[in-house]
Amino acid sequence: MYFYTLSRITGIEIIPGYTAKFIHTEQMTFAYWDVADGAPLPEHQHPHQQVAHVLAGRYELTIDGETQILEPGQVAVIPGDVPHSGRALTACQLLDVFYPVREEYRSVSADV
């Protein structure tokens, strides 16, 4: 499949306040998140490289102990195996790109 329409992809709540629509390629996972105002993301880490892009709203992101508030157009690069956490300061829309594919997200993705 070459083309996707996000409005046709079913969102899945992965943790409270974080609903995602996933697109997977052979090598990457794209996660389009709708995040509720105030929703926390507990500290975690994974082997995947991650690029986090704020599309709308304000999001507080902590990477390896360094915290910044991100607004639309700002991007953070999270290396694999680095602890990170976050919190929505407003309702947010985020795009995360992971390399390699997040297989655990592929298993919960709705059919496109």
Protein backbone atom coordinates (compact mmCIF):
# COMPACT_ATOMS: atom_id res chain seq x y z
CA MET A 1 0.00 0.00 0.00
CA TYR A 2 1.37 3.40 -0.98
CA PHE A 3 -1.19 5.92 0.27
CA TYR A 4 -2.97 6.31 3.60
CA THR A 5 -5.72 8.56 4.93
CA LEU A 6 -5.35 9.08 8.67
CA SER A 7 -9.08 9.68 9.16
CA ARG A 8 -9.69 6.12 7.93
CA ILE A 9 -7.30 4.55 10.45
CA THR A 10 -8.81 3.52 13.78
CA GLY A 11 -7.09 5.08 16.78
CA ILE A 12 -6.02 2.78 19.61
CA GLU A 13 -5.47 3.96 23.19
CA ILE A 14 -2.04 2.57 24.12
CA ILE A 15 -1.88 4.09 27.61
CA PRO A 16 -4.43 6.37 29.31
CA GLY A 17 -4.67 9.64 27.39
CA TYR A 18 -2.53 8.47 24.42
CA THR A 19 -4.43 7.32 21.33
CA ALA A 20 -2.39 6.42 18.24
CA LYS A 21 -2.88 5.71 14.57
CA PHE A 22 -0.03 3.61 13.18
CA ILE A 23 1.54 3.27 9.77
CA HIS A 24 4.29 0.69 9.39
CA THR A 25 6.86 0.31 6.64
CA GLU A 26 9.39 -2.49 6.38
CA GLN A 27 11.84 -0.47 8.49
CA MET A 28 9.90 2.22 10.39
CA THR A 29 6.79 2.85 12.44
CA PHE A 30 4.92 6.16 12.26
CA ALA A 31 2.69 6.87 15.27
CA TYR A 32 0.23 9.76 15.03
CA TRP A 33 -0.83 10.50 18.62
CA ASP A 34 -3.78 12.39 20.03
CA VAL A 35 -2.81 13.17 23.62
CA ALA A 36 -5.22 14.39 26.30
CA ASP A 37 -4.40 17.55 28.24
CA GLY A 38 -2.28 16.64 31.26
CA ALA A 39 -1.67 13.02 30.23
CA PRO A 40 1.65 11.74 31.61
CA LEU A 41 4.03 9.42 29.78
CA PRO A 42 5.99 7.42 32.38
CA GLU A 43 9.75 7.18 31.99
CA HIS A 44 10.73 4.30 29.73
CA GLN A 45 13.29 3.32 27.15
CA HIS A 46 13.43 1.05 24.13
CA PRO A 47 16.06 0.01 21.59
CA HIS A 48 14.38 1.97 18.80
CA GLN A 49 15.59 5.36 17.61
CA GLN A 50 12.74 7.85 17.87
CA VAL A 51 12.05 11.22 16.30
CA ALA A 52 9.24 13.09 18.08
CA HIS A 53 7.50 15.99 16.31
CA VAL A 54 4.88 18.21 17.94
CA LEU A 55 2.14 18.93 15.40
CA ALA A 56 -0.23 20.81 17.75
CA GLY A 57 -0.31 21.79 21.42
CA ARG A 58 2.45 22.00 24.02
CA TYR A 59 4.33 18.95 25.29
CA GLU A 60 6.94 18.66 28.02
CA LEU A 61 9.55 16.04 27.09
CA THR A 62 12.42 14.80 29.23
CA ILE A 63 15.26 12.91 27.54
CA ASP A 64 18.03 11.48 29.71
CA GLY A 65 17.28 14.02 32.45
CA GLU A 66 17.05 17.08 30.15
CA THR A 67 13.58 18.67 29.94
CA GLN A 68 12.20 21.00 27.28
CA ILE A 69 8.76 22.27 26.40
CA LEU A 70 8.01 21.58 22.75
CA GLU A 71 5.54 23.46 20.57
CA PRO A 72 4.36 22.93 16.98
CA GLY A 73 7.25 22.59 14.59
CA GLN A 74 9.73 21.47 17.22
CA VAL A 75 11.37 18.06 16.96
CA ALA A 76 13.30 15.91 19.42
CA VAL A 77 15.62 13.03 18.53
CA ILE A 78 15.75 10.22 21.08
CA PRO A 79 18.55 7.67 20.62
CA GLY A 80 17.81 4.02 21.30
CA ASP A 81 18.01 2.84 24.93
CA VAL A 82 17.88 6.39 26.34
CA PRO A 83 15.31 6.97 29.14
CA HIS A 84 12.59 9.50 28.34
CA SER A 85 9.22 10.65 29.65
CA GLY A 86 6.69 13.34 28.91
CA ARG A 87 3.52 15.18 29.79
CA ALA A 88 0.95 17.00 27.70
CA LEU A 89 0.67 20.61 28.83
CA THR A 90 -2.35 20.99 26.55
CA ALA A 91 -4.20 18.59 24.31
CA CYS A 92 -1.59 17.61 21.73
CA GLN A 93 -1.06 15.98 18.39
CA LEU A 94 2.32 14.33 18.03
CA LEU A 95 4.09 12.33 15.37
CA ASP A 96 6.67 9.77 16.47
CA VAL A 97 8.83 7.95 13.94
CA PHE A 98 10.61 4.82 15.15
CA TYR A 99 13.45 2.85 13.59
CA PRO A 100 13.37 -0.08 13.39
CA VAL A 101 9.68 -1.03 13.32
CA ARG A 102 7.91 -1.23 16.69
CA GLU A 103 6.66 -4.78 16.31
CA GLU A 104 4.57 -4.53 19.50
CA TYR A 105 2.64 -1.66 17.91
CA ARG A 106 2.17 -3.59 14.67
CA SER A 107 0.34 -6.26 16.65
CA VAL A 108 -2.21 -3.74 18.00
CA SER A 109 -2.68 -1.75 14.80
CA ALA A 110 -6.05 -1.77 13.18
CA ASP A 111 -6.31 -2.87 9.58
CA VAL A 112 -5.94 0.01 7.15
